[in-house]
N, C-alpha and C. Protein backbone atom coordinates (compact mmCIF):
# COMPACT_ATOMS: atom_id res chain seq x y z
N MET A 1 0.84 -1.17 0.00
CA MET A 1 0.00 0.00 0.00
C MET A 1 0.90 1.24 0.00
N PHE A 2 0.48 2.21 -0.78
CA PHE A 2 1.25 3.45 -0.89
C PHE A 2 0.74 4.48 0.11
N SER A 3 1.66 5.22 0.68
CA SER A 3 1.25 6.32 1.55
C SER A 3 1.35 7.62 0.77
N PRO A 4 0.49 8.58 1.08
CA PRO A 4 0.52 9.84 0.32
C PRO A 4 1.80 10.63 0.61
N ILE A 5 2.26 11.32 -0.39
CA ILE A 5 3.44 12.16 -0.26
C ILE A 5 2.99 13.61 -0.31
N PHE A 6 3.39 14.35 0.69
CA PHE A 6 3.03 15.76 0.73
C PHE A 6 4.26 16.59 0.39
N VAL A 7 4.08 17.51 -0.50
CA VAL A 7 5.18 18.37 -0.93
C VAL A 7 4.80 19.80 -0.59
N ARG A 8 5.68 20.46 0.09
CA ARG A 8 5.46 21.88 0.38
C ARG A 8 6.13 22.71 -0.71
N VAL A 9 5.41 23.67 -1.19
CA VAL A 9 5.94 24.54 -2.22
C VAL A 9 6.09 25.93 -1.62
N ALA A 10 7.28 26.45 -1.68
CA ALA A 10 7.53 27.79 -1.17
C ALA A 10 7.16 28.81 -2.24
N VAL A 11 6.34 29.75 -1.86
CA VAL A 11 5.97 30.82 -2.78
C VAL A 11 6.80 32.04 -2.42
N VAL A 12 7.58 32.51 -3.35
CA VAL A 12 8.45 33.66 -3.12
C VAL A 12 7.82 34.88 -3.78
N LEU A 13 7.47 35.84 -2.95
CA LEU A 13 6.90 37.08 -3.47
C LEU A 13 8.01 38.10 -3.64
N ASP A 14 7.97 38.81 -4.72
CA ASP A 14 8.88 39.93 -4.86
C ASP A 14 8.10 41.21 -5.05
N SER A 15 6.79 41.15 -4.78
CA SER A 15 5.94 42.34 -4.79
C SER A 15 4.70 42.04 -3.98
N TRP A 16 4.06 43.09 -3.49
CA TRP A 16 2.87 42.93 -2.67
C TRP A 16 1.79 43.91 -3.11
N THR A 17 0.56 43.42 -3.22
CA THR A 17 -0.58 44.33 -3.33
C THR A 17 -0.87 44.82 -1.92
N LEU A 18 -1.70 45.85 -1.79
CA LEU A 18 -2.03 46.37 -0.47
C LEU A 18 -2.68 45.29 0.40
N ALA A 19 -3.59 44.50 -0.19
CA ALA A 19 -4.26 43.44 0.57
C ALA A 19 -3.27 42.37 1.05
N LEU A 20 -2.36 41.94 0.18
CA LEU A 20 -1.35 40.95 0.59
C LEU A 20 -0.41 41.52 1.64
N ALA A 21 -0.06 42.79 1.50
CA ALA A 21 0.83 43.43 2.48
C ALA A 21 0.17 43.47 3.85
N LYS A 22 -1.11 43.81 3.90
CA LYS A 22 -1.82 43.84 5.18
C LYS A 22 -1.85 42.44 5.81
N ARG A 23 -2.11 41.44 4.99
CA ARG A 23 -2.14 40.06 5.48
C ARG A 23 -0.78 39.64 6.02
N ASP A 24 0.27 39.89 5.22
CA ASP A 24 1.61 39.48 5.63
C ASP A 24 2.10 40.25 6.85
N PHE A 25 1.72 41.52 6.97
CA PHE A 25 2.09 42.29 8.16
C PHE A 25 1.36 41.72 9.38
N GLY A 26 0.10 41.37 9.20
CA GLY A 26 -0.70 40.83 10.29
C GLY A 26 -0.15 39.54 10.88
N VAL A 27 0.49 38.73 10.05
CA VAL A 27 1.06 37.47 10.55
C VAL A 27 2.54 37.62 10.91
N GLY A 28 3.07 38.84 10.81
CA GLY A 28 4.44 39.10 11.23
C GLY A 28 5.50 38.87 10.18
N TYR A 29 5.10 38.67 8.93
CA TYR A 29 6.09 38.39 7.89
C TYR A 29 6.80 39.66 7.42
N LEU A 30 6.06 40.73 7.18
CA LEU A 30 6.69 41.97 6.73
C LEU A 30 7.39 42.64 7.90
N THR A 31 8.64 43.02 7.68
CA THR A 31 9.45 43.55 8.78
C THR A 31 9.94 44.97 8.56
N ASP A 32 9.92 45.46 7.33
CA ASP A 32 10.52 46.76 7.07
C ASP A 32 9.93 47.38 5.81
N PHE A 33 10.09 48.68 5.69
CA PHE A 33 9.66 49.40 4.49
C PHE A 33 10.71 50.44 4.13
N HIS A 34 10.65 50.90 2.91
CA HIS A 34 11.57 51.92 2.42
C HIS A 34 10.83 52.71 1.34
N ILE A 35 10.96 54.02 1.35
CA ILE A 35 10.35 54.87 0.33
C ILE A 35 11.47 55.42 -0.54
N GLU A 36 11.31 55.29 -1.85
CA GLU A 36 12.33 55.82 -2.76
C GLU A 36 11.68 56.53 -3.94
N ARG A 37 12.43 57.39 -4.57
CA ARG A 37 11.92 58.09 -5.76
C ARG A 37 11.64 57.09 -6.87
N ALA A 38 10.53 57.29 -7.55
CA ALA A 38 10.18 56.41 -8.67
C ALA A 38 11.07 56.76 -9.86
N PRO A 39 11.67 55.76 -10.48
CA PRO A 39 12.51 56.04 -11.64
C PRO A 39 11.66 56.45 -12.84
N MET A 40 12.10 57.41 -13.57
CA MET A 40 11.51 57.83 -14.85
C MET A 40 10.18 58.59 -14.72
N VAL A 41 9.60 58.67 -13.53
CA VAL A 41 8.35 59.43 -13.35
C VAL A 41 8.46 60.23 -12.07
N SER A 42 7.57 61.20 -11.92
CA SER A 42 7.55 62.01 -10.71
C SER A 42 6.70 61.32 -9.66
N GLY A 43 7.32 60.94 -8.56
CA GLY A 43 6.57 60.29 -7.49
C GLY A 43 7.45 59.40 -6.63
N TRP A 44 6.80 58.58 -5.82
CA TRP A 44 7.48 57.76 -4.83
C TRP A 44 6.99 56.32 -4.89
N VAL A 45 7.90 55.38 -4.66
CA VAL A 45 7.57 53.96 -4.65
C VAL A 45 7.87 53.42 -3.25
N VAL A 46 6.97 52.58 -2.74
CA VAL A 46 7.16 51.94 -1.43
C VAL A 46 7.74 50.55 -1.65
N GLN A 47 8.89 50.29 -1.04
CA GLN A 47 9.51 48.97 -1.07
C GLN A 47 9.25 48.30 0.27
N LEU A 48 8.87 47.03 0.23
CA LEU A 48 8.60 46.27 1.45
C LEU A 48 9.60 45.14 1.58
N ARG A 49 9.87 44.73 2.82
CA ARG A 49 10.78 43.62 3.06
C ARG A 49 10.11 42.62 3.99
N GLY A 50 10.18 41.37 3.58
CA GLY A 50 9.67 40.27 4.39
C GLY A 50 10.58 39.08 4.25
N GLY A 51 11.09 38.57 5.35
CA GLY A 51 12.05 37.48 5.27
C GLY A 51 13.27 37.92 4.48
N THR A 52 13.59 37.17 3.44
CA THR A 52 14.72 37.55 2.58
C THR A 52 14.23 38.22 1.30
N ASN A 53 12.93 38.45 1.19
CA ASN A 53 12.36 39.04 -0.03
C ASN A 53 12.19 40.54 0.13
N ARG A 54 12.39 41.23 -0.97
CA ARG A 54 12.19 42.67 -1.00
C ARG A 54 11.53 43.01 -2.31
N GLY A 55 10.52 43.88 -2.28
CA GLY A 55 9.85 44.26 -3.51
C GLY A 55 8.88 45.40 -3.29
N PRO A 56 8.35 45.92 -4.38
CA PRO A 56 7.50 47.10 -4.28
C PRO A 56 6.05 46.76 -3.92
N LEU A 57 5.36 47.76 -3.43
CA LEU A 57 3.91 47.71 -3.30
C LEU A 57 3.38 47.94 -4.70
N VAL A 58 2.50 47.04 -5.19
CA VAL A 58 2.05 47.10 -6.57
C VAL A 58 0.55 47.35 -6.65
N ASP A 59 0.12 47.82 -7.80
CA ASP A 59 -1.29 48.01 -8.09
C ASP A 59 -1.95 46.64 -8.23
N ALA A 60 -3.13 46.47 -7.64
CA ALA A 60 -3.80 45.16 -7.65
C ALA A 60 -4.19 44.70 -9.05
N ARG A 61 -4.51 45.62 -9.93
CA ARG A 61 -4.93 45.23 -11.29
C ARG A 61 -3.77 45.02 -12.24
N SER A 62 -2.90 46.01 -12.31
CA SER A 62 -1.83 45.95 -13.31
C SER A 62 -0.59 45.21 -12.83
N LYS A 63 -0.46 45.03 -11.52
CA LYS A 63 0.71 44.38 -10.91
C LYS A 63 2.01 45.13 -11.18
N THR A 64 1.90 46.42 -11.51
CA THR A 64 3.08 47.27 -11.66
C THR A 64 3.26 48.08 -10.39
N ALA A 65 4.49 48.52 -10.15
CA ALA A 65 4.78 49.29 -8.94
C ALA A 65 3.86 50.50 -8.83
N ARG A 66 3.28 50.66 -7.66
CA ARG A 66 2.40 51.79 -7.40
C ARG A 66 3.24 53.03 -7.19
N VAL A 67 2.94 54.10 -7.92
CA VAL A 67 3.68 55.35 -7.78
C VAL A 67 2.78 56.35 -7.06
N PHE A 68 3.25 56.82 -5.92
CA PHE A 68 2.51 57.79 -5.11
C PHE A 68 2.98 59.19 -5.47
N LYS A 69 2.04 60.11 -5.67
CA LYS A 69 2.41 61.47 -6.09
C LYS A 69 3.07 62.26 -4.97
N THR A 70 2.71 61.96 -3.72
CA THR A 70 3.28 62.70 -2.59
C THR A 70 3.81 61.72 -1.54
N LEU A 71 4.72 62.23 -0.71
CA LEU A 71 5.20 61.42 0.41
C LEU A 71 4.07 61.13 1.39
N ASP A 72 3.15 62.11 1.55
CA ASP A 72 2.02 61.89 2.45
C ASP A 72 1.20 60.68 2.03
N SER A 73 0.95 60.53 0.74
CA SER A 73 0.15 59.38 0.28
C SER A 73 0.93 58.08 0.42
N ALA A 74 2.25 58.11 0.24
CA ALA A 74 3.06 56.91 0.44
C ALA A 74 3.05 56.50 1.91
N VAL A 75 3.19 57.48 2.81
CA VAL A 75 3.17 57.20 4.24
C VAL A 75 1.79 56.67 4.66
N ALA A 76 0.72 57.24 4.10
CA ALA A 76 -0.63 56.77 4.42
C ALA A 76 -0.81 55.30 4.02
N ALA A 77 -0.27 54.91 2.87
CA ALA A 77 -0.35 53.51 2.45
C ALA A 77 0.43 52.61 3.40
N ILE A 78 1.61 53.04 3.80
CA ILE A 78 2.43 52.26 4.73
C ILE A 78 1.71 52.09 6.06
N GLU A 79 1.10 53.18 6.55
CA GLU A 79 0.38 53.09 7.82
C GLU A 79 -0.88 52.25 7.70
N SER A 80 -1.51 52.24 6.52
CA SER A 80 -2.70 51.40 6.35
C SER A 80 -2.34 49.91 6.37
N ILE A 81 -1.10 49.59 6.02
CA ILE A 81 -0.62 48.20 6.11
C ILE A 81 -0.49 47.80 7.58
N GLY A 82 -0.09 48.75 8.42
CA GLY A 82 0.07 48.47 9.85
C GLY A 82 1.36 48.98 10.45
N PHE A 83 2.29 49.42 9.60
CA PHE A 83 3.55 49.97 10.11
C PHE A 83 3.28 51.30 10.81
N LYS A 84 4.16 51.64 11.74
CA LYS A 84 4.14 52.96 12.37
C LYS A 84 5.25 53.79 11.73
N VAL A 85 4.91 54.95 11.22
CA VAL A 85 5.91 55.84 10.61
C VAL A 85 6.11 56.99 11.58
N GLU A 86 7.30 57.06 12.16
CA GLU A 86 7.61 58.08 13.16
C GLU A 86 8.32 59.28 12.57
N GLY A 87 8.96 59.13 11.42
CA GLY A 87 9.68 60.24 10.82
C GLY A 87 10.34 59.80 9.53
N LEU A 88 10.75 60.78 8.76
CA LEU A 88 11.49 60.54 7.53
C LEU A 88 12.72 61.42 7.56
N GLY A 89 13.80 60.94 7.01
CA GLY A 89 14.98 61.77 6.94
C GLY A 89 16.24 60.98 6.72
N ARG A 90 17.28 61.71 6.47
CA ARG A 90 18.61 61.11 6.28
C ARG A 90 19.53 61.77 7.29
N MET A 91 20.22 60.94 8.02
CA MET A 91 21.12 61.49 9.07
C MET A 91 22.54 61.14 8.77
């Protein structure tokens, strides 16, 4: 008689939609964020880090990096995920 074989498949994300980011933050997977200037356009991109993966916050429909027009809107998205943003700056 054969016994069933279970195989675990690791899913590696290199981007997160807002809904996935909220879920992953809620279970403690997302650990860090970074805001950087969007290349080639005027705006800001939010980079998220979870485990050894790093990637942008993406639009749910197009799956392309979400570009925020202002830092305030980027910070609002980060806070809606669950992170606390205490300040921005370079020291």
